[in-house]
Amino acid sequence: MVMYESYLIKRIEQDKIIAIVRGIERKDSIPVAEALVEGGIRFIEVTMNTEGALEIINEWRKHFKQDDVFIGAGTVLNTEMASAAIQAGAQYIVTPNLDEDVVELSCKQRIEIFPGVVTPTEIMKAIKAGANAVKLFPLGSLGLDYLKEIRAPLSNVKMIATGGVNLNNIREYFKHGVMGVGIGSNIVNKTMIENRDFKGLTELAKQYVELANKEE
C-alpha cells in the first residue's frame, strides 16, 4: 500500500490539477466528471458540504477505473467525515485545516491526506503527523508572494496550492515549486453546468491542462 501512496503522489506531480467540485446536484455529477476527464483532468474531489457527497464519491468510483481517475473527498472536517468518505471509496482526503486526528486516521487507513495549512508551524506539524503533502490554503487571499516566501525555507515539502488559481496565473504557481494546484469554480464552471454545456467544460479543462503542462 505504501507503493500505491507513492504512486498517487507521483500521479499528482504528473497530472498537476485537482478539480474541486462543490455544490452541484447529484444528477450532474457523472456528466461533470466525464467532461473534466475528457478534458484531461485525472483528480476530482467533491466537497463534503455538497449534498449527496458520499453517494457522488461512490458513483464516481464505480464509473471510472481506479488507476485512471482518482476520486477524493474535500472539506473533510473531522474523523467521522473522513471515515465515511473512505468507506464510500475516496482515494484521498483533503481538509481546509490541520486536524491531526484526521491525518492519523487517514494514514492508518493508508489513504493519502492533504491537510489545509497556512503557517510554517502548521506545515511541519502536518508532515510530522504523517501527511506526505499539504494543501496551502487560501492562496487566493495570501497571494503568490506568500507562496514564494513559504517555499524558500520549506522547498522540500510537497505542496498543493489552492485558492485563486486561474488561466492567467496557473503557470506562476508551478514556477514557485508546487507539485499541484486545486481549482474550484474557475474550472468547474457553474454557468456551464447550469446550461448543460459539458463540451464547454471539457474545453475549459483542456486549457488548464495545457497550461499546467506547458514547457517554459
C-alpha atoms as a PDB file:
ATOM      1  CA  MET A   1       0.000   0.000   0.000  1.00  0.00           C
ATOM      2  CA  VAL A   2       2.922   2.343   0.608  1.00  0.00           C
ATOM      3  CA  MET A   3       3.849   1.861  -3.032  1.00  0.00           C
ATOM      4  CA  TYR A   4       0.335   2.915  -4.036  1.00  0.00           C
ATOM      5  CA  GLU A   5       0.535   6.013  -1.837  1.00  0.00           C
ATOM      6  CA  SER A   6       3.786   6.980  -3.522  1.00  0.00           C
ATOM      7  CA  TYR A   7       2.119   6.334  -6.869  1.00  0.00           C
ATOM      8  CA  LEU A   8      -0.724   8.716  -6.007  1.00  0.00           C
ATOM      9  CA  ILE A   9       1.739  11.488  -5.164  1.00  0.00           C
ATOM     10  CA  LYS A  10       3.647  10.827  -8.369  1.00  0.00           C
ATOM     11  CA  ARG A  11       0.433  10.982 -10.354  1.00  0.00           C
ATOM     12  CA  ILE A  12      -0.443  14.382  -8.878  1.00  0.00           C
ATOM     13  CA  GLU A  13       3.051  15.589  -9.762  1.00  0.00           C
ATOM     14  CA  GLN A  14       2.421  14.292 -13.288  1.00  0.00           C
ATOM     15  CA  ASP A  15      -1.183  15.419 -13.755  1.00  0.00           C
ATOM     16  CA  LYS A  16      -0.853  18.609 -11.695  1.00  0.00           C
ATOM     17  CA  ILE A  17      -4.521  19.612 -11.315  1.00  0.00           C
ATOM     18  CA  ILE A  18      -7.145  18.611  -8.765  1.00  0.00           C
ATOM     19  CA  ALA A  19     -10.624  19.753  -9.768  1.00  0.00           C
ATOM     20  CA  ILE A  20     -12.727  20.699  -6.752  1.00  0.00           C
ATOM     21  CA  VAL A  21     -16.448  20.066  -7.244  1.00  0.00           C
ATOM     22  CA  ARG A  22     -18.693  21.873  -4.773  1.00  0.00           C
ATOM     23  CA  GLY A  23     -22.456  22.323  -4.548  1.00  0.00           C
ATOM     24  CA  ILE A  24     -23.502  20.554  -7.730  1.00  0.00           C
ATOM     25  CA  GLU A  25     -26.657  18.484  -7.995  1.00  0.00           C
ATOM     26  CA  ARG A  26     -26.166  14.750  -7.815  1.00  0.00           C
ATOM     27  CA  LYS A  27     -27.772  14.245 -11.236  1.00  0.00           C
ATOM     28  CA  ASP A  28     -24.968  16.345 -12.756  1.00  0.00           C
ATOM     29  CA  SER A  29     -22.113  14.534 -11.012  1.00  0.00           C
ATOM     30  CA  ILE A  30     -21.380  11.973 -13.742  1.00  0.00           C
ATOM     31  CA  PRO A  31     -21.694  14.393 -16.713  1.00  0.00           C
ATOM     32  CA  VAL A  32     -19.495  16.942 -14.922  1.00  0.00           C
ATOM     33  CA  ALA A  33     -16.850  14.361 -14.049  1.00  0.00           C
ATOM     34  CA  GLU A  34     -16.903  12.905 -17.567  1.00  0.00           C
ATOM     35  CA  ALA A  35     -16.457  16.385 -19.057  1.00  0.00           C
ATOM     36  CA  LEU A  36     -13.489  17.105 -16.798  1.00  0.00           C
ATOM     37  CA  VAL A  37     -11.886  13.736 -17.517  1.00  0.00           C
ATOM     38  CA  GLU A  38     -12.360  14.201 -21.259  1.00  0.00           C
ATOM     39  CA  GLY A  39     -10.525  17.495 -20.846  1.00  0.00           C
ATOM     40  CA  GLY A  40      -7.567  15.732 -19.261  1.00  0.00           C
ATOM     41  CA  ILE A  41      -8.315  16.029 -15.531  1.00  0.00           C
ATOM     42  CA  ARG A  42      -7.460  12.907 -13.580  1.00  0.00           C
ATOM     43  CA  PHE A  43      -8.001  14.081  -9.981  1.00  0.00           C
ATOM     44  CA  ILE A  44     -11.502  15.097  -8.919  1.00  0.00           C
ATOM     45  CA  GLU A  45     -12.716  15.767  -5.402  1.00  0.00           C
ATOM     46  CA  VAL A  46     -16.198  16.538  -4.182  1.00  0.00           C
ATOM     47  CA  THR A  47     -16.514  18.620  -1.045  1.00  0.00           C
ATOM     48  CA  MET A  48     -18.298  17.021   1.875  1.00  0.00           C
ATOM     49  CA  ASN A  49     -20.617  20.021   2.228  1.00  0.00           C
ATOM     50  CA  THR A  50     -22.106  19.116  -1.149  1.00  0.00           C
ATOM     51  CA  GLU A  51     -25.475  17.411  -0.768  1.00  0.00           C
ATOM     52  CA  GLY A  52     -25.091  13.707  -1.516  1.00  0.00           C
ATOM     53  CA  ALA A  53     -21.277  13.876  -1.453  1.00  0.00           C
ATOM     54  CA  LEU A  54     -20.860  10.282  -0.248  1.00  0.00           C
ATOM     55  CA  GLU A  55     -23.154   8.974  -2.973  1.00  0.00           C
ATOM     56  CA  ILE A  56     -21.271  11.022  -5.573  1.00  0.00           C
ATOM     57  CA  ILE A  57     -17.939   9.569  -4.434  1.00  0.00           C
ATOM     58  CA  ASN A  58     -19.368   6.059  -4.646  1.00  0.00           C
ATOM     59  CA  GLU A  59     -20.871   6.654  -8.089  1.00  0.00           C
ATOM     60  CA  TRP A  60     -17.640   8.139  -9.442  1.00  0.00           C
ATOM     61  CA  ARG A  61     -15.599   5.238  -8.136  1.00  0.00           C
ATOM     62  CA  LYS A  62     -17.922   2.768  -9.843  1.00  0.00           C
ATOM     63  CA  HIS A  63     -17.968   4.778 -13.069  1.00  0.00           C
ATOM     64  CA  PHE A  64     -14.213   5.293 -13.551  1.00  0.00           C
ATOM     65  CA  LYS A  65     -11.267   2.913 -13.466  1.00  0.00           C
ATOM     66  CA  GLN A  66      -9.379   3.189 -10.188  1.00  0.00           C
ATOM     67  CA  ASP A  67      -5.963   3.920 -11.675  1.00  0.00           C
ATOM     68  CA  ASP A  68      -7.291   6.181 -14.424  1.00  0.00           C
ATOM     69  CA  VAL A  69      -9.325   8.720 -12.428  1.00  0.00           C
ATOM     70  CA  PHE A  70      -8.636   9.442  -8.762  1.00  0.00           C
ATOM     71  CA  ILE A  71     -11.587  10.402  -6.589  1.00  0.00           C
ATOM     72  CA  GLY A  72     -11.202  12.419  -3.406  1.00  0.00           C
ATOM     73  CA  ALA A  73     -13.255  13.945  -0.612  1.00  0.00           C
ATOM     74  CA  GLY A  74     -12.732  17.630   0.188  1.00  0.00           C
ATOM     75  CA  THR A  75     -13.735  19.881   3.082  1.00  0.00           C
ATOM     76  CA  VAL A  76     -13.334  16.960   5.486  1.00  0.00           C
ATOM     77  CA  LEU A  77     -13.665  18.490   8.954  1.00  0.00           C
ATOM     78  CA  ASN A  78     -13.409  15.563  11.366  1.00  0.00           C
ATOM     79  CA  THR A  79     -12.671  11.860  11.701  1.00  0.00           C
ATOM     80  CA  GLU A  80     -16.323  10.910  11.224  1.00  0.00           C
ATOM     81  CA  MET A  81     -16.394  12.635   7.846  1.00  0.00           C
ATOM     82  CA  ALA A  82     -13.068  11.069   6.906  1.00  0.00           C
ATOM     83  CA  SER A  83     -14.239   7.558   7.831  1.00  0.00           C
ATOM     84  CA  ALA A  84     -17.471   7.962   5.867  1.00  0.00           C
ATOM     85  CA  ALA A  85     -15.627   9.293   2.802  1.00  0.00           C
ATOM     86  CA  ILE A  86     -13.098   6.454   2.867  1.00  0.00           C
ATOM     87  CA  GLN A  87     -15.883   3.910   3.231  1.00  0.00           C
ATOM     88  CA  ALA A  88     -17.637   5.480   0.235  1.00  0.00           C
ATOM     89  CA  GLY A  89     -14.493   4.968  -1.816  1.00  0.00           C
ATOM     90  CA  ALA A  90     -12.441   8.162  -1.538  1.00  0.00           C
ATOM     91  CA  GLN A  91      -8.852   7.573  -2.617  1.00  0.00           C
ATOM     92  CA  TYR A  92      -7.590  10.713  -0.912  1.00  0.00           C
ATOM     93  CA  ILE A  93      -8.775  13.166   1.737  1.00  0.00           C
ATOM     94  CA  VAL A  94      -8.458  16.955   1.631  1.00  0.00           C
ATOM     95  CA  THR A  95      -9.140  19.245   4.578  1.00  0.00           C
ATOM     96  CA  PRO A  96      -9.350  23.040   4.899  1.00  0.00           C
ATOM     97  CA  ASN A  97      -7.494  22.898   8.221  1.00  0.00           C
ATOM     98  CA  LEU A  98      -4.969  20.820  10.119  1.00  0.00           C
ATOM     99  CA  ASP A  99      -6.694  18.203  12.258  1.00  0.00           C
ATOM    100  CA  GLU A 100      -4.038  15.753  13.377  1.00  0.00           C
ATOM    101  CA  ASP A 101      -6.667  13.147  14.287  1.00  0.00           C
ATOM    102  CA  VAL A 102      -7.882  13.161  10.693  1.00  0.00           C
ATOM    103  CA  VAL A 103      -4.303  12.869   9.450  1.00  0.00           C
ATOM    104  CA  GLU A 104      -3.677   9.936  11.783  1.00  0.00           C
ATOM    105  CA  LEU A 105      -6.879   8.166  10.732  1.00  0.00           C
ATOM    106  CA  SER A 106      -6.122   8.577   7.035  1.00  0.00           C
ATOM    107  CA  CYS A 107      -2.587   7.305   7.462  1.00  0.00           C
ATOM    108  CA  LYS A 108      -3.814   4.259   9.389  1.00  0.00           C
ATOM    109  CA  GLN A 109      -6.258   3.568   6.554  1.00  0.00           C
ATOM    110  CA  ARG A 110      -3.398   4.086   4.080  1.00  0.00           C
ATOM    111  CA  ILE A 111      -5.272   6.861   2.343  1.00  0.00           C
ATOM    112  CA  GLU A 112      -3.391   9.950   1.190  1.00  0.00           C
ATOM    113  CA  ILE A 113      -4.371  13.120   3.030  1.00  0.00           C
ATOM    114  CA  PHE A 114      -3.647  16.710   2.093  1.00  0.00           C
ATOM    115  CA  PRO A 115      -4.383  18.843   5.163  1.00  0.00           C
ATOM    116  CA  GLY A 116      -5.047  22.542   4.770  1.00  0.00           C
ATOM    117  CA  VAL A 117      -2.241  24.636   6.250  1.00  0.00           C
ATOM    118  CA  VAL A 118      -1.024  28.233   6.210  1.00  0.00           C
ATOM    119  CA  THR A 119       1.946  28.744   8.518  1.00  0.00           C
ATOM    120  CA  PRO A 120       5.344  27.028   8.632  1.00  0.00           C
ATOM    121  CA  THR A 121       4.373  25.596  12.027  1.00  0.00           C
ATOM    122  CA  GLU A 122       1.186  24.038  10.620  1.00  0.00           C
ATOM    123  CA  ILE A 123       3.056  22.690   7.600  1.00  0.00           C
ATOM    124  CA  MET A 124       5.657  20.911   9.695  1.00  0.00           C
ATOM    125  CA  LYS A 125       3.042  19.629  12.163  1.00  0.00           C
ATOM    126  CA  ALA A 126       1.139  18.107   9.244  1.00  0.00           C
ATOM    127  CA  ILE A 127       4.252  16.390   7.901  1.00  0.00           C
ATOM    128  CA  LYS A 128       5.197  15.172  11.377  1.00  0.00           C
ATOM    129  CA  ALA A 129       1.672  13.768  11.795  1.00  0.00           C
ATOM    130  CA  GLY A 130       2.178  11.653   8.675  1.00  0.00           C
ATOM    131  CA  ALA A 131       0.973  13.666   5.681  1.00  0.00           C
ATOM    132  CA  ASN A 132       3.076  13.207   2.539  1.00  0.00           C
ATOM    133  CA  ALA A 133       1.956  16.569   1.155  1.00  0.00           C
ATOM    134  CA  VAL A 134      -0.033  19.593   2.310  1.00  0.00           C
ATOM    135  CA  LYS A 135      -2.637  21.909   0.852  1.00  0.00           C
ATOM    136  CA  LEU A 136      -1.543  25.528   1.136  1.00  0.00           C
ATOM    137  CA  PHE A 137      -4.811  27.421   1.550  1.00  0.00           C
ATOM    138  CA  PRO A 138      -6.229  30.034   0.986  1.00  0.00           C
ATOM    139  CA  LEU A 139      -3.730  31.280  -1.572  1.00  0.00           C
ATOM    140  CA  GLY A 140      -6.385  33.389  -3.252  1.00  0.00           C
ATOM    141  CA  SER A 141      -6.047  35.718  -0.270  1.00  0.00           C
ATOM    142  CA  LEU A 142      -2.422  35.066   0.670  1.00  0.00           C
ATOM    143  CA  GLY A 143      -1.133  35.537  -2.870  1.00  0.00           C
ATOM    144  CA  LEU A 144       1.830  34.313  -4.874  1.00  0.00           C
ATOM    145  CA  ASP A 145       4.290  36.374  -2.833  1.00  0.00           C
ATOM    146  CA  TYR A 146       3.347  34.346   0.238  1.00  0.00           C
ATOM    147  CA  LEU A 147       3.839  31.114  -1.709  1.00  0.00           C
ATOM    148  CA  LYS A 148       7.289  32.277  -2.803  1.00  0.00           C
ATOM    149  CA  GLU A 149       8.269  33.189   0.749  1.00  0.00           C
ATOM    150  CA  ILE A 150       6.991  29.952   2.297  1.00  0.00           C
ATOM    151  CA  ARG A 151       8.660  27.798  -0.361  1.00  0.00           C
ATOM    152  CA  ALA A 152      12.091  29.271   0.318  1.00  0.00           C
ATOM    153  CA  PRO A 153      12.687  27.576   3.715  1.00  0.00           C
ATOM    154  CA  LEU A 154      10.326  24.634   3.043  1.00  0.00           C
ATOM    155  CA  SER A 155      11.318  23.714  -0.500  1.00  0.00           C
ATOM    156  CA  ASN A 156      11.497  20.019   0.438  1.00  0.00           C
ATOM    157  CA  VAL A 157       7.805  19.873   1.403  1.00  0.00           C
ATOM    158  CA  LYS A 158       5.365  18.772  -1.295  1.00  0.00           C
ATOM    159  CA  MET A 159       2.612  21.381  -1.584  1.00  0.00           C
ATOM    160  CA  ILE A 160      -0.691  21.700  -3.395  1.00  0.00           C
ATOM    161  CA  ALA A 161      -1.701  25.331  -3.869  1.00  0.00           C
ATOM    162  CA  THR A 162      -5.428  26.004  -3.563  1.00  0.00           C
ATOM    163  CA  GLY A 163      -7.326  29.255  -3.967  1.00  0.00           C
ATOM    164  CA  GLY A 164      -7.128  31.890  -6.679  1.00  0.00           C
ATOM    165  CA  VAL A 165      -5.729  29.663  -9.432  1.00  0.00           C
ATOM    166  CA  ASN A 166      -6.913  30.758 -12.883  1.00  0.00           C
ATOM    167  CA  LEU A 167      -5.817  30.636 -16.517  1.00  0.00           C
ATOM    168  CA  ASN A 168      -3.807  33.835 -16.147  1.00  0.00           C
ATOM    169  CA  ASN A 169      -1.691  32.792 -13.174  1.00  0.00           C
ATOM    170  CA  ILE A 170      -1.538  28.983 -13.098  1.00  0.00           C
ATOM    171  CA  ARG A 171       1.964  28.937 -14.574  1.00  0.00           C
ATOM    172  CA  GLU A 172       3.214  31.182 -11.743  1.00  0.00           C
ATOM    173  CA  TYR A 173       2.180  28.637  -9.115  1.00  0.00           C
ATOM    174  CA  PHE A 174       4.263  25.941 -10.755  1.00  0.00           C
ATOM    175  CA  LYS A 175       7.201  28.303 -11.182  1.00  0.00           C
ATOM    176  CA  HIS A 176       7.211  28.587  -7.391  1.00  0.00           C
ATOM    177  CA  GLY A 177       7.568  24.841  -6.995  1.00  0.00           C
ATOM    178  CA  VAL A 178       4.179  23.418  -6.033  1.00  0.00           C
ATOM    179  CA  MET A 179       3.504  19.830  -7.050  1.00  0.00           C
ATOM    180  CA  GLY A 180      -0.108  20.549  -7.950  1.00  0.00           C
ATOM    181  CA  VAL A 181      -2.968  23.016  -7.754  1.00  0.00           C
ATOM    182  CA  GLY A 182      -6.528  22.688  -6.539  1.00  0.00           C
ATOM    183  CA  ILE A 183      -9.050  24.573  -8.682  1.00  0.00           C
ATOM    184  CA  GLY A 184     -12.719  25.027  -7.826  1.00  0.00           C
ATOM    185  CA  SER A 185     -15.235  27.238  -9.614  1.00  0.00           C
ATOM    186  CA  ASN A 186     -12.660  28.575 -12.079  1.00  0.00           C
ATOM    187  CA  ILE A 187     -12.586  25.150 -13.737  1.00  0.00           C
ATOM    188  CA  VAL A 188     -15.875  23.624 -12.532  1.00  0.00           C
ATOM    189  CA  ASN A 189     -17.842  26.452 -14.120  1.00  0.00           C
ATOM    190  CA  LYS A 190     -21.346  26.582 -12.640  1.00  0.00           C
ATOM    191  CA  THR A 191     -22.822  28.595 -15.511  1.00  0.00           C
ATOM    192  CA  MET A 192     -21.690  25.936 -17.974  1.00  0.00           C
ATOM    193  CA  ILE A 193     -23.171  23.235 -15.757  1.00  0.00           C
ATOM    194  CA  GLU A 194     -26.493  25.082 -15.435  1.00  0.00           C
ATOM    195  CA  ASN A 195     -26.578  25.473 -19.222  1.00  0.00           C
ATOM    196  CA  ARG A 196     -25.649  21.801 -19.708  1.00  0.00           C
ATOM    197  CA  ASP A 197     -22.618  22.970 -21.660  1.00  0.00           C
ATOM    198  CA  PHE A 198     -20.445  19.987 -20.872  1.00  0.00           C
ATOM    199  CA  LYS A 199     -18.446  20.406 -24.086  1.00  0.00           C
ATOM    200  CA  GLY A 200     -17.541  23.887 -22.885  1.00  0.00           C
ATOM    201  CA  LEU A 201     -16.468  22.404 -19.559  1.00  0.00           C
ATOM    202  CA  THR A 202     -14.236  19.954 -21.405  1.00  0.00           C
ATOM    203  CA  GLU A 203     -12.648  22.734 -23.453  1.00  0.00           C
ATOM    204  CA  LEU A 204     -12.039  24.792 -20.301  1.00  0.00           C
ATOM    205  CA  ALA A 205     -10.391  21.810 -18.606  1.00  0.00           C
ATOM    206  CA  LYS A 206      -8.189  21.310 -21.681  1.00  0.00           C
ATOM    207  CA  GLN A 207      -6.971  24.912 -21.424  1.00  0.00           C
ATOM    208  CA  TYR A 208      -5.934  24.414 -17.797  1.00  0.00           C
ATOM    209  CA  VAL A 209      -4.245  21.090 -18.503  1.00  0.00           C
ATOM    210  CA  GLU A 210      -2.343  22.559 -21.461  1.00  0.00           C
ATOM    211  CA  LEU A 211      -1.075  25.496 -19.396  1.00  0.00           C
ATOM    212  CA  ALA A 212      -0.184  23.304 -16.414  1.00  0.00           C
ATOM    213  CA  ASN A 213       1.998  21.121 -18.653  1.00  0.00           C
ATOM    214  CA  LYS A 214       3.448  23.909 -20.765  1.00  0.00           C
ATOM    215  CA  GLU A 215       7.215  23.808 -21.032  1.00  0.00           C
ATOM    216  CA  GLU A 216       8.936  27.127 -20.330  1.00  0.00           C
END
